[in-house]
Amino acid sequence: MASKVKMRRLTLFSAIISLLSFVYKAGLGVYTMSLVMIIASISTLCVFICKIIFVKNVTASRESKKKAYIAMAITAFIYSLIFVLFAVLKVNNIDISRTNNYQGWIELLFIGFLLLMFILSLINLKGALEKTDIMVIGLKEITFLSALTDLVIIEQFVSRIIQKYYELPIMNTIDAYVPLGVGVVLLIIPVIMFIKSIRYKA
């Protein structure tokens, strides 16, 4: 019980960080008119919501945990649908974003940070799947979902860097279909979560 209380406090602190991250990404997305960044901010908001759900239910009964896990799955599903809609717009060359000129080390630092977060989420997901607490598993699954969104941002930034020096028409196709591929994966995650919730014995 003591370990769960400690985890609850750490997750609450982490939720505050996620909320601040959402405000930053959303603000930057609106300022630069970057649809990619705006969508990424929504994923961070979903992570914040799920962390609050976790904090409220980590020490609850198994029945309450099951309901909370289903709420996480619904949150993930709604976000995934939004992301797929964005991906379809990209494929059809409909985008509200304009070119953003991040320069030099700032660009590389931002990409490096997002890549680090993605790697850490993979490690955390592997560790979570070895646990039996459905709330812990759900929280890591949602974090992984958000990290996949950040992976799209990484691809977009790398593509922009490449196109600064080389004109490669294929990059436009990659920019369009990478989000769509990630969107399909994102939809699979909540489906898996729903299946787990059905099998979970309350």
Protein backbone atom coordinates (compact mmCIF):
# COMPACT_ATOMS: atom_id res chain seq x y z
CA MET A 1 0.00 0.00 0.00
CA ALA A 2 2.85 2.40 0.85
CA SER A 3 4.41 1.89 -2.56
CA LYS A 4 1.08 2.68 -4.25
CA VAL A 5 0.70 5.87 -2.20
CA LYS A 6 4.18 6.92 -3.27
CA MET A 7 3.35 6.07 -6.88
CA ARG A 8 0.17 8.10 -6.55
CA ARG A 9 2.11 11.18 -5.42
CA LEU A 10 4.71 10.80 -8.16
CA THR A 11 2.00 10.40 -10.79
CA LEU A 12 0.19 13.50 -9.53
CA PHE A 13 3.41 15.49 -9.89
CA SER A 14 3.90 13.96 -13.34
CA ALA A 15 0.32 14.95 -14.25
CA ILE A 16 1.13 18.58 -13.48
CA ILE A 17 4.16 18.34 -15.78
CA SER A 18 1.94 16.84 -18.51
CA LEU A 19 -0.54 19.70 -18.11
CA LEU A 20 2.25 22.26 -18.50
CA SER A 21 3.54 20.36 -21.52
CA PHE A 22 0.05 20.47 -23.05
CA VAL A 23 -0.17 24.24 -22.57
CA TYR A 24 3.28 24.68 -24.13
CA LYS A 25 2.59 22.44 -27.15
CA ALA A 26 -0.88 23.89 -27.73
CA GLY A 27 0.41 27.45 -27.48
CA LEU A 28 3.31 26.73 -29.83
CA GLY A 29 0.99 24.90 -32.23
CA VAL A 30 -1.47 27.80 -32.41
CA TYR A 31 1.34 30.38 -32.73
CA THR A 32 3.06 28.54 -35.58
CA MET A 33 -0.19 27.23 -37.10
CA SER A 34 1.24 23.71 -36.88
CA LEU A 35 -1.49 21.08 -37.02
CA VAL A 36 1.06 18.41 -36.06
CA MET A 37 1.92 20.25 -32.84
CA ILE A 38 -1.72 20.92 -32.01
CA ILE A 39 -2.57 17.22 -32.41
CA ALA A 40 0.46 16.33 -30.27
CA SER A 41 -0.79 18.68 -27.56
CA ILE A 42 -4.12 16.81 -27.51
CA SER A 43 -2.26 13.54 -26.91
CA THR A 44 -0.47 15.17 -23.97
CA LEU A 45 -3.84 16.32 -22.63
CA CYS A 46 -5.06 12.70 -22.88
CA VAL A 47 -2.02 11.60 -20.88
CA PHE A 48 -2.86 14.22 -18.24
CA ILE A 49 -6.48 13.01 -18.02
CA CYS A 50 -5.37 9.38 -17.68
CA LYS A 51 -2.84 10.26 -14.99
CA ILE A 52 -5.60 11.92 -12.98
CA ILE A 53 -7.74 8.80 -13.46
CA PHE A 54 -4.76 6.75 -12.23
CA VAL A 55 -4.26 8.93 -9.15
CA LYS A 56 -7.93 8.58 -8.20
CA ASN A 57 -8.09 4.80 -8.65
CA VAL A 58 -4.65 3.27 -8.02
CA THR A 59 -5.64 2.27 -4.48
CA ALA A 60 -9.28 1.52 -5.33
CA SER A 61 -11.06 -1.83 -5.60
CA ARG A 62 -10.58 -4.09 -8.63
CA GLU A 63 -14.04 -3.16 -9.90
CA SER A 64 -13.21 0.57 -9.73
CA LYS A 65 -9.88 -0.07 -11.43
CA LYS A 66 -11.63 -1.87 -14.26
CA LYS A 67 -13.99 1.09 -14.80
CA ALA A 68 -11.04 3.49 -14.66
CA TYR A 69 -9.12 1.40 -17.19
CA ILE A 70 -12.13 1.46 -19.53
CA ALA A 71 -12.20 5.27 -19.15
CA MET A 72 -8.52 5.33 -20.18
CA ALA A 73 -9.34 3.16 -23.19
CA ILE A 74 -12.18 5.48 -24.24
CA THR A 75 -9.88 8.49 -23.92
CA ALA A 76 -7.27 6.74 -26.05
CA PHE A 77 -9.88 5.78 -28.65
CA ILE A 78 -11.24 9.33 -28.99
CA TYR A 79 -7.74 10.72 -29.40
CA SER A 80 -6.84 8.03 -31.95
CA LEU A 81 -9.88 8.96 -34.06
CA ILE A 82 -8.81 12.62 -33.99
CA PHE A 83 -5.30 11.65 -35.06
CA VAL A 84 -6.56 9.44 -37.91
CA LEU A 85 -8.69 12.36 -39.13
CA PHE A 86 -5.53 14.49 -39.14
CA ALA A 87 -3.67 11.74 -41.03
CA VAL A 88 -6.39 11.58 -43.69
CA LEU A 89 -6.11 15.34 -44.15
CA LYS A 90 -2.34 14.96 -44.61
CA VAL A 91 -2.77 12.22 -47.21
CA ASN A 92 -5.15 14.46 -49.14
CA ASN A 93 -2.73 17.41 -48.88
CA ILE A 94 -5.08 19.38 -46.63
CA ASP A 95 -3.00 21.04 -43.91
CA ILE A 96 -3.35 24.32 -42.01
CA SER A 97 0.32 24.41 -41.01
CA ARG A 98 2.85 26.84 -42.35
CA THR A 99 6.63 26.43 -42.56
CA ASN A 100 8.32 26.89 -39.19
CA ASN A 101 11.95 27.94 -39.18
CA TYR A 102 13.56 26.35 -36.13
CA GLN A 103 17.27 26.88 -36.46
CA GLY A 104 20.34 24.74 -35.79
CA TRP A 105 20.82 23.30 -32.33
CA ILE A 106 17.29 24.23 -31.20
CA GLU A 107 15.88 21.98 -33.91
CA LEU A 108 18.24 19.11 -33.05
CA LEU A 109 17.67 19.51 -29.30
CA PHE A 110 13.90 19.33 -29.75
CA ILE A 111 14.16 16.21 -31.92
CA GLY A 112 16.58 14.60 -29.47
CA PHE A 113 14.26 15.26 -26.53
CA LEU A 114 11.25 13.72 -28.27
CA LEU A 115 13.30 10.71 -29.38
CA LEU A 116 14.49 10.18 -25.79
CA MET A 117 10.91 10.31 -24.53
CA PHE A 118 9.90 7.72 -27.13
CA ILE A 119 12.71 5.32 -26.11
CA LEU A 120 11.88 5.74 -22.41
CA SER A 121 8.21 5.02 -23.11
CA LEU A 122 9.18 1.75 -24.82
CA ILE A 123 11.24 0.73 -21.79
CA ASN A 124 8.43 1.70 -19.39
CA LEU A 125 5.84 -0.15 -21.47
CA LYS A 126 7.90 -3.35 -21.38
CA GLY A 127 8.20 -3.06 -17.60
CA ALA A 128 4.50 -2.31 -17.19
CA LEU A 129 3.42 -5.36 -19.19
CA GLU A 130 5.28 -7.51 -16.67
CA LYS A 131 3.08 -6.16 -13.86
CA THR A 132 -0.41 -7.28 -12.92
CA ASP A 133 -1.92 -3.96 -11.81
CA ILE A 134 -4.19 -2.91 -14.67
CA MET A 135 -3.90 0.77 -13.71
CA VAL A 136 -0.11 0.71 -14.08
CA ILE A 137 -0.40 -1.06 -17.42
CA GLY A 138 -3.03 1.44 -18.63
CA LEU A 139 -0.94 4.46 -17.67
CA LYS A 140 2.08 3.12 -19.56
CA GLU A 141 -0.06 2.29 -22.60
CA ILE A 142 -1.37 5.86 -22.72
CA THR A 143 2.16 7.24 -22.36
CA PHE A 144 3.27 5.03 -25.25
CA LEU A 145 0.37 6.35 -27.34
CA SER A 146 1.55 9.90 -26.70
CA ALA A 147 5.13 8.92 -27.55
CA LEU A 148 4.00 7.58 -30.93
CA THR A 149 2.52 11.00 -31.66
CA ASP A 150 5.85 12.60 -30.76
CA LEU A 151 7.48 10.17 -33.20
CA VAL A 152 5.41 11.78 -35.97
CA ILE A 153 6.70 15.20 -34.90
CA ILE A 154 10.26 13.84 -35.09
CA GLU A 155 9.63 12.59 -38.64
CA GLN A 156 8.19 15.96 -39.68
CA PHE A 157 11.17 17.85 -38.27
CA VAL A 158 13.72 15.48 -39.83
CA SER A 159 11.89 15.76 -43.16
CA ARG A 160 12.04 19.54 -42.94
CA ILE A 161 15.78 19.45 -42.27
CA ILE A 162 16.38 17.13 -45.23
CA GLN A 163 14.33 19.32 -47.55
CA LYS A 164 16.38 22.35 -46.59
CA TYR A 165 19.30 20.83 -48.46
CA TYR A 166 17.74 18.35 -50.90
CA GLU A 167 14.60 18.45 -52.99
CA LEU A 168 13.18 14.96 -52.65
CA PRO A 169 9.57 14.64 -53.84
CA ILE A 170 9.27 11.31 -52.02
CA MET A 171 9.53 13.16 -48.69
CA ASN A 172 6.09 14.69 -49.30
CA THR A 173 4.65 11.17 -49.64
CA ILE A 174 6.45 10.03 -46.48
CA ASP A 175 5.18 13.10 -44.61
CA ALA A 176 1.64 12.19 -45.60
CA TYR A 177 1.63 8.44 -44.95
CA VAL A 178 3.76 8.19 -41.78
CA PRO A 179 1.00 9.90 -39.73
CA LEU A 180 -1.56 7.56 -41.30
CA GLY A 181 0.50 4.49 -40.36
CA VAL A 182 0.93 5.76 -36.82
CA GLY A 183 -2.80 6.51 -36.68
CA VAL A 184 -3.61 2.88 -37.47
CA VAL A 185 -1.30 1.75 -34.63
CA LEU A 186 -2.93 4.25 -32.29
CA LEU A 187 -6.35 2.76 -33.02
CA ILE A 188 -5.04 -0.72 -32.21
CA ILE A 189 -3.94 0.35 -28.71
CA PRO A 190 -7.44 1.20 -27.34
CA VAL A 191 -8.85 -1.93 -29.01
CA ILE A 192 -6.30 -4.01 -27.09
CA MET A 193 -7.21 -2.09 -23.94
CA PHE A 194 -10.91 -2.85 -24.41
CA ILE A 195 -10.10 -6.55 -24.85
CA LYS A 196 -8.02 -6.51 -21.65
CA SER A 197 -10.86 -4.85 -19.75
CA ILE A 198 -13.25 -7.61 -20.84
CA ARG A 199 -10.83 -10.30 -19.67
CA TYR A 200 -10.04 -8.51 -16.40
CA LYS A 201 -11.72 -10.15 -13.42
CA ALA A 202 -13.27 -7.48 -11.21
